[in-house]
């Protein structure tokens, strides 16, 4: 994997962690379950995208 691709995947992972933790915080502290679940779903989509891009192709 080259530099820009690795940087992009790293940023996606950091953004996914931020979205996931923000979604949990939104649900627990602010009691805004709708936005919290949407943030968690967005984080999951980011993690799945990173997983798809990093799976080796035969």
C-alpha atoms as a PDB file:
ATOM      1  CA  UNK A   1       0.000   0.000   0.000  1.00  0.00           C
ATOM      2  CA  UNK A   2       1.401   3.386  -0.906  1.00  0.00           C
ATOM      3  CA  UNK A   3       1.594   6.461   1.311  1.00  0.00           C
ATOM      4  CA  UNK A   4      -1.576   8.353   0.356  1.00  0.00           C
ATOM      5  CA  UNK A   5      -3.712   5.214   0.571  1.00  0.00           C
ATOM      6  CA  UNK A   6      -2.345   4.307   3.991  1.00  0.00           C
ATOM      7  CA  UNK A   7      -2.900   7.868   5.196  1.00  0.00           C
ATOM      8  CA  UNK A   8      -6.486   7.859   3.935  1.00  0.00           C
ATOM      9  CA  UNK A   9      -7.259   4.537   5.616  1.00  0.00           C
ATOM     10  CA  UNK A  10      -5.704   5.764   8.855  1.00  0.00           C
ATOM     11  CA  UNK A  11      -7.817   8.915   8.770  1.00  0.00           C
ATOM     12  CA  UNK A  12     -10.941   6.827   8.099  1.00  0.00           C
ATOM     13  CA  UNK A  13     -10.176   4.687  11.149  1.00  0.00           C
ATOM     14  CA  UNK A  14      -9.679   7.765  13.339  1.00  0.00           C
ATOM     15  CA  UNK A  15     -12.893   9.325  12.024  1.00  0.00           C
ATOM     16  CA  UNK A  16     -14.741   6.067  12.656  1.00  0.00           C
ATOM     17  CA  UNK A  17     -13.506   5.955  16.235  1.00  0.00           C
ATOM     18  CA  UNK A  18     -14.540   9.575  16.757  1.00  0.00           C
ATOM     19  CA  UNK A  19     -17.980   8.969  15.249  1.00  0.00           C
ATOM     20  CA  UNK A  20     -18.533   5.780  17.228  1.00  0.00           C
ATOM     21  CA  UNK A  21     -17.551   7.278  20.562  1.00  0.00           C
ATOM     22  CA  UNK A  22     -19.497  10.433  19.772  1.00  0.00           C
ATOM     23  CA  UNK A  23     -22.557   8.349  18.973  1.00  0.00           C
ATOM     24  CA  UNK A  24     -22.336   6.488  22.272  1.00  0.00           C
ATOM     25  CA  UNK A  25     -21.848   9.785  24.116  1.00  0.00           C
ATOM     26  CA  UNK A  26     -24.818  11.283  22.274  1.00  0.00           C
ATOM     27  CA  UNK A  27     -27.032   8.390  23.307  1.00  0.00           C
ATOM     28  CA  UNK A  28     -25.920   8.195  26.940  1.00  0.00           C
ATOM     29  CA  UNK A  29     -25.396  11.833  27.943  1.00  0.00           C
ATOM     30  CA  UNK A  30     -27.590  13.855  25.593  1.00  0.00           C
ATOM     31  CA  UNK A  31     -30.353  11.224  25.252  1.00  0.00           C
ATOM     32  CA  UNK A  32     -30.504  11.822  21.519  1.00  0.00           C
ATOM     33  CA  UNK A  33     -30.842   8.222  20.358  1.00  0.00           C
ATOM     34  CA  UNK A  34     -31.640   8.953  16.723  1.00  0.00           C
ATOM     35  CA  UNK A  35     -28.472  10.959  16.066  1.00  0.00           C
ATOM     36  CA  UNK A  36     -26.436   8.590  18.209  1.00  0.00           C
ATOM     37  CA  UNK A  37     -27.459   5.562  16.153  1.00  0.00           C
ATOM     38  CA  UNK A  38     -26.835   7.429  12.913  1.00  0.00           C
ATOM     39  CA  UNK A  39     -23.294   8.265  14.066  1.00  0.00           C
ATOM     40  CA  UNK A  40     -22.666   4.647  15.068  1.00  0.00           C
ATOM     41  CA  UNK A  41     -23.943   3.419  11.690  1.00  0.00           C
ATOM     42  CA  UNK A  42     -21.692   5.910   9.876  1.00  0.00           C
ATOM     43  CA  UNK A  43     -18.720   4.661  11.916  1.00  0.00           C
ATOM     44  CA  UNK A  44     -19.578   1.064  11.038  1.00  0.00           C
ATOM     45  CA  UNK A  45     -19.702   1.947   7.347  1.00  0.00           C
ATOM     46  CA  UNK A  46     -16.251   3.511   7.631  1.00  0.00           C
ATOM     47  CA  UNK A  47     -14.843   0.416   9.356  1.00  0.00           C
ATOM     48  CA  UNK A  48     -16.344  -1.885   6.719  1.00  0.00           C
ATOM     49  CA  UNK A  49     -14.871   0.259   3.935  1.00  0.00           C
ATOM     50  CA  UNK A  50     -11.420   0.028   5.507  1.00  0.00           C
ATOM     51  CA  UNK A  51     -11.831  -3.729   5.885  1.00  0.00           C
ATOM     52  CA  UNK A  52     -12.820  -4.093   2.225  1.00  0.00           C
ATOM     53  CA  UNK A  53      -9.835  -2.057   1.055  1.00  0.00           C
ATOM     54  CA  UNK A  54      -7.339  -3.977   3.184  1.00  0.00           C
ATOM     55  CA  UNK A  55      -8.444  -7.530   2.310  1.00  0.00           C
ATOM     56  CA  UNK A  56      -5.809  -9.103   0.050  1.00  0.00           C
ATOM     57  CA  UNK A  57      -6.942 -10.042  -3.459  1.00  0.00           C
ATOM     58  CA  UNK A  58      -5.832 -13.355  -4.931  1.00  0.00           C
END
